[in-house]
Protein backbone atom coordinates (compact mmCIF):
# COMPACT_ATOMS: atom_id res chain seq x y z
CA MET A 1 -119.70 -64.92 20.19
CA ALA A 2 -117.56 -61.86 19.45
CA LEU A 3 -113.80 -62.34 19.07
CA PHE A 4 -112.82 -60.38 22.17
CA ASP A 5 -115.32 -62.37 24.23
CA LEU A 6 -113.65 -65.55 22.98
CA LEU A 7 -110.22 -64.17 23.90
CA ARG A 8 -111.40 -63.45 27.43
CA THR A 9 -112.82 -66.97 27.80
CA THR A 10 -109.67 -68.74 28.93
CA ASP A 11 -111.26 -72.16 29.51
CA GLY A 12 -109.07 -74.74 27.82
CA PHE A 13 -106.33 -72.20 27.06
CA THR A 14 -102.73 -73.26 27.54
CA ASP A 15 -100.14 -70.81 28.83
CA THR A 16 -99.15 -70.21 25.20
CA ASP A 17 -102.77 -69.54 24.22
CA GLN A 18 -103.16 -67.07 27.09
CA ALA A 19 -100.00 -65.23 26.02
CA ILE A 20 -101.32 -64.82 22.47
CA ALA A 21 -104.80 -63.81 23.67
CA GLN A 22 -103.40 -61.23 26.07
CA TYR A 23 -101.18 -59.70 23.38
CA VAL A 24 -104.05 -59.45 20.89
CA MET A 25 -106.35 -57.78 23.45
CA GLU A 26 -103.64 -55.30 24.47
CA HIS A 27 -102.45 -54.47 20.91
CA PRO A 28 -105.44 -54.95 18.55
CA ASP A 29 -104.43 -52.19 16.12
CA GLU A 30 -100.88 -53.51 15.86
CA VAL A 31 -101.95 -57.16 15.48
CA ALA A 32 -104.31 -56.24 12.62
CA GLU A 33 -101.20 -55.30 10.59
CA LEU A 34 -98.95 -58.23 11.63
CA ASN A 35 -98.42 -61.41 9.64
CA ILE A 36 -98.41 -64.74 11.46
CA GLY A 37 -94.64 -64.82 11.85
CA GLU A 38 -94.55 -61.34 13.33
CA LEU A 39 -97.27 -62.20 15.87
CA ALA A 40 -95.44 -65.40 16.81
CA LYS A 41 -92.24 -63.41 17.38
CA ALA A 42 -94.05 -60.73 19.41
CA THR A 43 -95.64 -63.35 21.68
CA HIS A 44 -92.50 -65.55 21.90
CA THR A 45 -94.43 -68.48 20.41
CA SER A 46 -94.43 -70.09 16.95
CA ASN A 47 -96.42 -70.01 13.71
CA ALA A 48 -97.89 -73.42 14.55
CA ALA A 49 -98.93 -72.23 18.02
CA VAL A 50 -100.71 -69.20 16.55
CA THR A 51 -102.52 -71.41 14.00
CA ARG A 52 -103.62 -73.88 16.72
CA PHE A 53 -104.87 -70.96 18.80
CA CYS A 54 -106.95 -69.64 15.88
CA HIS A 55 -108.49 -73.08 15.38
CA LYS A 56 -109.29 -73.23 19.09
CA LEU A 57 -111.29 -70.01 18.63
CA GLY A 58 -113.29 -71.71 15.88
CA LEU A 59 -111.62 -69.76 13.06
CA GLU A 60 -110.11 -71.27 9.92
CA GLY A 61 -106.66 -69.79 10.42
CA TYR A 62 -104.68 -66.64 11.07
CA ARG A 63 -105.98 -64.83 8.00
CA ALA A 64 -109.60 -65.38 9.12
CA SER A 65 -108.66 -64.26 12.64
CA ARG A 66 -107.14 -61.02 11.37
CA LEU A 67 -110.25 -60.36 9.29
CA GLU A 68 -112.48 -60.91 12.31
CA LEU A 69 -110.25 -58.60 14.38
CA THR A 70 -110.59 -55.89 11.72
CA ARG A 71 -114.38 -56.28 11.79
CA GLU A 72 -114.47 -55.94 15.58
CA ARG A 73 -112.33 -52.82 15.52
CA GLU A 74 -114.67 -51.29 12.93
CA ARG A 75 -117.73 -52.23 14.98
CA ALA A 76 -116.18 -50.58 18.02
CA ARG A 77 -115.44 -47.45 16.00
CA LEU A 78 -119.06 -47.29 14.82
CA HIS A 79 -120.41 -48.35 18.23
CA VAL A 80 -122.05 -51.37 16.57
CA PHE A 81 -122.75 -54.38 18.79
CA ASP A 82 -122.75 -57.98 17.66
CA VAL A 83 -126.22 -59.48 17.25
CA ASN A 84 -127.14 -63.12 16.79
CA PRO A 85 -128.24 -63.25 13.11
CA ASP A 86 -130.39 -66.33 13.73
CA LEU A 87 -132.29 -64.84 16.67
CA PRO A 88 -131.88 -61.05 16.82
CA PHE A 89 -134.79 -60.60 19.23
CA MET A 90 -134.83 -61.03 23.00
CA GLU A 91 -137.73 -62.29 25.08
CA ASN A 92 -139.61 -59.43 26.74
CA ALA A 93 -137.38 -56.88 25.00
CA THR A 94 -138.55 -53.30 24.84
CA THR A 95 -139.50 -51.88 21.47
CA GLN A 96 -136.37 -49.71 21.54
CA GLU A 97 -134.16 -52.75 22.23
CA THR A 98 -135.70 -54.62 19.30
CA MET A 99 -135.21 -51.63 17.02
CA ASP A 100 -131.57 -51.31 18.14
CA SER A 101 -130.97 -55.03 17.51
CA ILE A 102 -132.33 -54.83 13.97
CA LEU A 103 -130.26 -51.70 13.30
CA ASN A 104 -127.06 -53.34 14.54
CA LEU A 105 -127.77 -56.57 12.67
CA SER A 106 -128.27 -54.59 9.46
CA ARG A 107 -125.07 -52.63 10.02
CA ASN A 108 -123.14 -55.83 10.72
CA ALA A 109 -124.48 -57.50 7.58
CA LEU A 110 -123.59 -54.54 5.35
CA GLU A 111 -120.15 -54.12 6.90
CA GLU A 112 -119.28 -57.80 6.60
CA ALA A 113 -120.65 -58.04 3.05
CA HIS A 114 -118.58 -55.00 2.11
CA GLN A 115 -115.44 -56.64 3.50
CA THR A 116 -116.12 -60.05 1.94
CA ILE A 117 -117.27 -59.12 -1.58
CA THR A 118 -114.38 -58.17 -3.85
CA PRO A 119 -114.52 -55.25 -6.33
CA GLU A 120 -113.19 -57.62 -8.99
CA SER A 121 -116.17 -59.97 -8.65
CA VAL A 122 -118.68 -57.09 -8.82
CA SER A 123 -116.96 -55.64 -11.87
CA LEU A 124 -116.93 -59.02 -13.63
CA ALA A 125 -120.60 -59.69 -12.86
CA ALA A 126 -121.58 -56.26 -14.20
CA ARG A 127 -119.56 -56.80 -17.38
CA LEU A 128 -121.11 -60.23 -18.02
CA ILE A 129 -124.61 -58.81 -17.55
CA CYS A 130 -123.93 -55.81 -19.81
CA GLU A 131 -122.58 -58.06 -22.57
CA ALA A 132 -125.41 -60.61 -22.36
CA ARG A 133 -128.37 -60.76 -24.70
CA ARG A 134 -130.63 -61.84 -21.84
CA VAL A 135 -130.23 -62.26 -18.09
CA ALA A 136 -132.03 -65.13 -16.34
CA ILE A 137 -132.13 -64.87 -12.56
CA TYR A 138 -132.74 -67.90 -10.36
CA ALA A 139 -133.81 -67.58 -6.72
CA VAL A 140 -136.35 -69.07 -4.33
CA GLY A 141 -137.94 -68.05 -1.03
CA ASP A 142 -136.86 -64.77 0.53
CA SER A 143 -134.06 -64.41 -2.01
CA ALA A 144 -136.66 -64.30 -4.78
CA VAL A 145 -138.18 -61.22 -3.12
CA SER A 146 -134.78 -59.48 -3.09
CA VAL A 147 -134.20 -60.51 -6.71
CA ASN A 148 -137.50 -58.97 -7.88
CA GLY A 149 -136.25 -55.52 -6.92
CA PHE A 150 -132.99 -56.13 -8.80
CA MET A 151 -134.85 -57.25 -11.93
CA ASN A 152 -136.92 -54.08 -11.77
CA LEU A 153 -133.74 -52.00 -11.60
CA LEU A 154 -132.25 -53.79 -14.62
CA THR A 155 -135.46 -53.17 -16.58
CA LYS A 156 -135.06 -49.43 -15.91
CA VAL A 157 -131.67 -49.47 -17.66
CA ASP A 158 -132.94 -51.49 -20.61
CA ILE A 159 -131.46 -54.90 -19.70
CA PRO A 160 -133.83 -57.78 -20.58
CA CYS A 161 -134.49 -60.11 -17.63
CA LEU A 162 -136.10 -63.51 -17.27
CA GLU A 163 -137.34 -65.14 -14.09
CA GLY A 164 -135.44 -68.41 -14.02
CA MET A 165 -137.87 -70.19 -11.69
CA ARG A 166 -140.94 -69.19 -13.70
CA ASN A 167 -144.07 -70.81 -12.24
CA GLY A 168 -141.84 -73.06 -10.16
CA ASP A 169 -140.47 -74.76 -13.30
CA ASN A 170 -136.69 -74.39 -13.50
CA LEU A 171 -136.34 -76.17 -16.86
CA VAL A 172 -138.41 -73.89 -19.10
CA VAL A 173 -136.01 -70.93 -19.10
CA SER A 174 -132.84 -73.03 -19.08
CA ASN A 175 -133.96 -74.64 -22.36
CA ILE A 176 -133.94 -71.33 -24.22
CA LEU A 177 -130.68 -69.84 -22.94
CA SER A 178 -127.50 -69.92 -25.02
CA ALA A 179 -123.89 -68.77 -25.04
CA ARG A 180 -125.08 -65.20 -25.57
CA ASP A 181 -126.98 -65.22 -22.26
CA VAL A 182 -126.04 -65.23 -18.58
CA ALA A 183 -127.71 -66.98 -15.66
CA VAL A 184 -127.51 -65.42 -12.19
CA LEU A 185 -128.00 -67.77 -9.24
CA VAL A 186 -128.83 -66.09 -5.93
CA THR A 187 -128.65 -68.49 -3.00
CA HIS A 188 -127.10 -67.58 0.33
CA SER A 189 -126.96 -71.13 1.70
CA GLY A 190 -126.20 -72.80 -1.63
CA LEU A 191 -129.27 -75.05 -1.47
CA LEU A 192 -130.39 -73.82 -4.89
CA PHE A 193 -127.40 -75.51 -6.55
CA SER A 194 -128.71 -78.99 -5.77
CA GLN A 195 -132.24 -77.99 -6.80
CA LEU A 196 -130.94 -76.78 -10.17
CA GLU A 197 -128.50 -79.62 -10.86
CA GLU A 198 -130.11 -80.70 -14.14
CA PRO A 199 -130.89 -77.17 -15.44
CA LEU A 200 -127.29 -76.17 -14.67
CA LYS A 201 -125.95 -79.05 -16.74
CA ASN A 202 -128.28 -77.96 -19.51
CA LEU A 203 -127.11 -74.35 -19.28
CA ARG A 204 -123.45 -75.30 -19.40
CA SER A 205 -123.96 -77.62 -22.36
CA ARG A 206 -125.45 -74.65 -24.23
CA GLY A 207 -122.51 -72.41 -23.28
CA CYS A 208 -124.55 -70.10 -21.03
CA LYS A 209 -122.40 -68.13 -18.60
CA VAL A 210 -123.15 -68.35 -14.88
CA ILE A 211 -122.84 -65.86 -12.01
CA ALA A 212 -123.36 -67.14 -8.46
CA ILE A 213 -124.11 -64.90 -5.48
CA THR A 214 -123.69 -67.17 -2.48
CA SER A 215 -121.91 -67.98 0.77
CA TYR A 216 -121.61 -71.62 -0.36
CA GLU A 217 -117.93 -72.36 -0.90
CA LYS A 218 -118.29 -75.32 -3.29
CA SER A 219 -120.30 -73.80 -6.15
CA GLU A 220 -117.57 -74.96 -8.53
CA SER A 221 -118.62 -78.57 -7.87
CA TYR A 222 -122.04 -77.82 -9.38
CA VAL A 223 -120.87 -75.38 -12.05
CA PRO A 224 -117.38 -76.36 -13.26
CA GLY A 225 -115.58 -73.37 -14.69
CA ILE A 226 -118.15 -70.92 -13.32
CA GLU A 227 -117.44 -67.47 -14.76
CA CYS A 228 -118.10 -65.39 -11.62
CA THR A 229 -118.76 -66.02 -7.94
CA ILE A 230 -119.65 -63.20 -5.56
CA ALA A 231 -118.84 -64.56 -2.12
CA LEU A 232 -121.15 -63.56 0.72
CA PRO A 233 -120.35 -63.76 4.44
CA LYS A 234 -121.84 -66.77 6.19
CA ARG A 235 -123.18 -66.30 9.70
CA GLU A 236 -126.76 -67.59 9.58
CA THR A 237 -127.63 -71.23 10.17
CA ARG A 238 -130.45 -72.79 8.17
CA SER A 239 -131.87 -74.77 11.09
CA GLY A 240 -131.89 -72.29 13.95
CA ARG A 241 -132.84 -68.98 12.37
CA VAL A 242 -136.20 -67.29 12.83
CA ALA A 243 -135.75 -64.89 9.88
CA THR A 244 -133.31 -64.11 7.07
CA PHE A 245 -132.56 -60.47 7.85
CA TYR A 246 -128.79 -60.96 7.72
CA SER A 247 -128.54 -63.01 4.53
CA GLN A 248 -131.03 -60.86 2.63
CA ALA A 249 -129.23 -57.67 3.65
CA CYS A 250 -126.02 -59.18 2.24
CA ILE A 251 -127.76 -60.26 -0.97
CA ARG A 252 -129.40 -56.88 -1.52
CA TYR A 253 -126.07 -55.16 -0.95
CA ALA A 254 -124.39 -57.38 -3.57
CA LEU A 255 -127.20 -56.83 -6.09
CA ASN A 256 -127.19 -53.07 -5.53
CA CYS A 257 -123.42 -52.97 -6.04
CA ILE A 258 -123.77 -54.83 -9.35
CA TYR A 259 -126.54 -52.46 -10.46
CA GLY A 260 -124.47 -49.43 -9.48
CA GLU A 261 -121.52 -50.75 -11.49
CA ILE A 262 -123.75 -51.41 -14.51
CA PHE A 263 -125.23 -47.90 -14.30
CA SER A 264 -121.80 -46.32 -13.96
CA ARG A 265 -120.35 -48.27 -16.92
CA ASN A 266 -123.12 -47.08 -19.24
CA TRP A 267 -123.87 -43.74 -17.64
CA GLN A 268 -125.50 -41.84 -20.50
CA HIS A 269 -127.58 -44.79 -21.69
CA SER A 270 -128.60 -45.67 -18.12
CA MET A 271 -129.65 -42.10 -17.39
CA GLU A 272 -131.71 -41.89 -20.58
CA SER A 273 -133.32 -45.31 -20.07
CA ASN A 274 -134.14 -44.48 -16.47
CA ARG A 275 -135.78 -41.18 -17.51
CA ASN A 276 -137.83 -42.93 -20.20
CA TYR A 277 -138.93 -45.61 -17.78
CA THR A 278 -139.97 -42.97 -15.24
CA LYS A 279 -141.97 -41.08 -17.90
CA LEU A 280 -143.72 -44.31 -18.95
CA ASP A 281 -144.48 -45.16 -15.33
CA HIS A 282 -146.01 -41.71 -14.75
CA TRP A 283 -148.06 -42.02 -17.97
CA GLU A 284 -149.41 -45.43 -16.93
CA ASN A 285 -150.33 -44.08 -13.50
CA ARG A 286 -152.23 -41.18 -15.10
CA GLN A 287 -154.07 -43.62 -17.40
CA GLU A 288 -155.06 -45.72 -14.40
CA ASP A 289 -156.29 -42.64 -12.53
CA ALA A 290 -158.30 -41.51 -15.57
CA GLY A 291 -160.00 -44.90 -15.83
CA ARG A 292 -161.26 -44.89 -12.26
């Protein structure tokens, strides 16, 4: 449920809660710039009361509430409506309604990924990949499909890639990686961490660096001292979703940002490699046409 809908739902609100909710709804632009003490003073309440109110809305705290408020203001500016990421379709919806839902879901995913992913994490991931001898990328399911496109992009700029889950065996590649290599784990839910527990121990014992692209907040427990984590927004549920439109849009955005940073860092080399790859691709296509 959208934040402003939650603010209007006064069931279970105390008088203090209603005062805070009313102030936020009437002054959203101002509240987005206030710290917790300033909001408490403006609503004649206390820091503790504001924190309890945020928890009552299902948010982690005031910082998370301000972030959600910023997102809602941006959605309103862009005329983007909130869509359930687990079930973006409606029964008996018109084709236009379905198309609008998918458009808004995609916009929401990109906007929230943009706000959640830090430039520092993208820059670090790009640097680690550029400095690596080889890049092994681990992903399963729908994420593996998104990763294939990323691997193709890296190939175009002359960065050697390995498929970490080759033929479903996650130990083969991990046994050949070393401190000169980097492993990239792409898992929105974090489920891949438990599946790769033994290979990850093997990678770390060999000194291989690790980049995680995930919404899972405890990746450090599986990869102590992990070099880079790109945090994704988490709105899908694994049990109730009918598709992974939201999570895959976030993953593709993160991967595209990394690729863009890599390309920009090595502009001349990337341009030349990309041109050579395109020429080779055209030559192979002509050879295929000639053989028909």
